[in-house]
């Protein structure tokens, strides 16, 4: 994930959510996942090959 994408994903989050989302990103990158979701208190983001491809409020879509 680029620094710009990471900065966008983390913007506006609480300090606790920033730590949690950073850990989720690190775990996904360490396991070399190409598609993953990160969640926070108010919603989620979908990441594909390091690019932000979706997001929303509430629960991750099924």
Protein backbone atom coordinates (compact mmCIF):
# COMPACT_ATOMS: atom_id res chain seq x y z
CA UNK A 1 0.00 0.00 0.00
CA UNK A 2 1.35 3.41 -0.90
CA UNK A 3 1.93 6.04 1.74
CA UNK A 4 -0.79 8.19 0.16
CA UNK A 5 -3.37 5.38 0.36
CA UNK A 6 -2.37 4.54 3.93
CA UNK A 7 -2.68 8.21 4.90
CA UNK A 8 -6.16 8.43 3.35
CA UNK A 9 -7.36 5.23 5.06
CA UNK A 10 -6.11 6.48 8.45
CA UNK A 11 -7.40 10.05 8.10
CA UNK A 12 -10.21 11.00 10.43
CA UNK A 13 -9.92 7.88 12.58
CA UNK A 14 -9.60 7.96 16.36
CA UNK A 15 -6.15 7.15 17.78
CA UNK A 16 -7.42 3.71 18.81
CA UNK A 17 -8.83 2.99 15.35
CA UNK A 18 -5.61 4.22 13.73
CA UNK A 19 -3.60 1.69 15.74
CA UNK A 20 -6.06 -1.11 14.99
CA UNK A 21 -6.28 -0.37 11.26
CA UNK A 22 -2.49 -0.08 11.03
CA UNK A 23 -2.20 -3.52 12.64
CA UNK A 24 -4.80 -4.96 10.23
CA UNK A 25 -2.88 -3.57 7.25
CA UNK A 26 0.43 -4.91 8.57
CA UNK A 27 -1.06 -8.38 9.11
CA UNK A 28 -2.57 -8.46 5.61
CA UNK A 29 0.67 -7.30 4.02
CA UNK A 30 2.73 -9.78 6.06
CA UNK A 31 0.54 -12.63 4.84
CA UNK A 32 0.81 -11.24 1.28
CA UNK A 33 -2.95 -10.95 0.83
CA UNK A 34 -3.91 -9.23 -2.41
CA UNK A 35 -7.52 -8.47 -1.44
CA UNK A 36 -8.59 -7.66 2.10
CA UNK A 37 -10.90 -5.51 4.20
CA UNK A 38 -9.90 -3.30 7.11
CA UNK A 39 -12.55 -2.31 9.59
CA UNK A 40 -12.87 0.50 12.09
CA UNK A 41 -15.55 1.77 14.47
CA UNK A 42 -17.55 3.55 11.77
CA UNK A 43 -17.04 1.35 8.73
CA UNK A 44 -14.63 -0.45 6.44
CA UNK A 45 -12.33 -0.20 3.42
CA UNK A 46 -11.61 -2.79 0.73
CA UNK A 47 -8.01 -2.97 -0.46
CA UNK A 48 -6.97 -4.73 -3.68
CA UNK A 49 -3.30 -4.96 -4.64
CA UNK A 50 -2.56 -2.02 -2.35
CA UNK A 51 -5.22 0.24 -3.87
CA UNK A 52 -8.37 1.42 -2.13
CA UNK A 53 -11.25 -0.07 -4.13
CA UNK A 54 -14.22 0.43 -1.84
CA UNK A 55 -15.48 1.42 1.54
CA UNK A 56 -18.55 2.23 3.49
CA UNK A 57 -20.30 2.72 6.78
CA UNK A 58 -21.41 -0.15 8.94
CA UNK A 59 -20.60 -3.78 8.32
CA UNK A 60 -18.41 -5.25 5.59
CA UNK A 61 -20.59 -6.52 2.73
CA UNK A 62 -20.91 -10.26 2.37
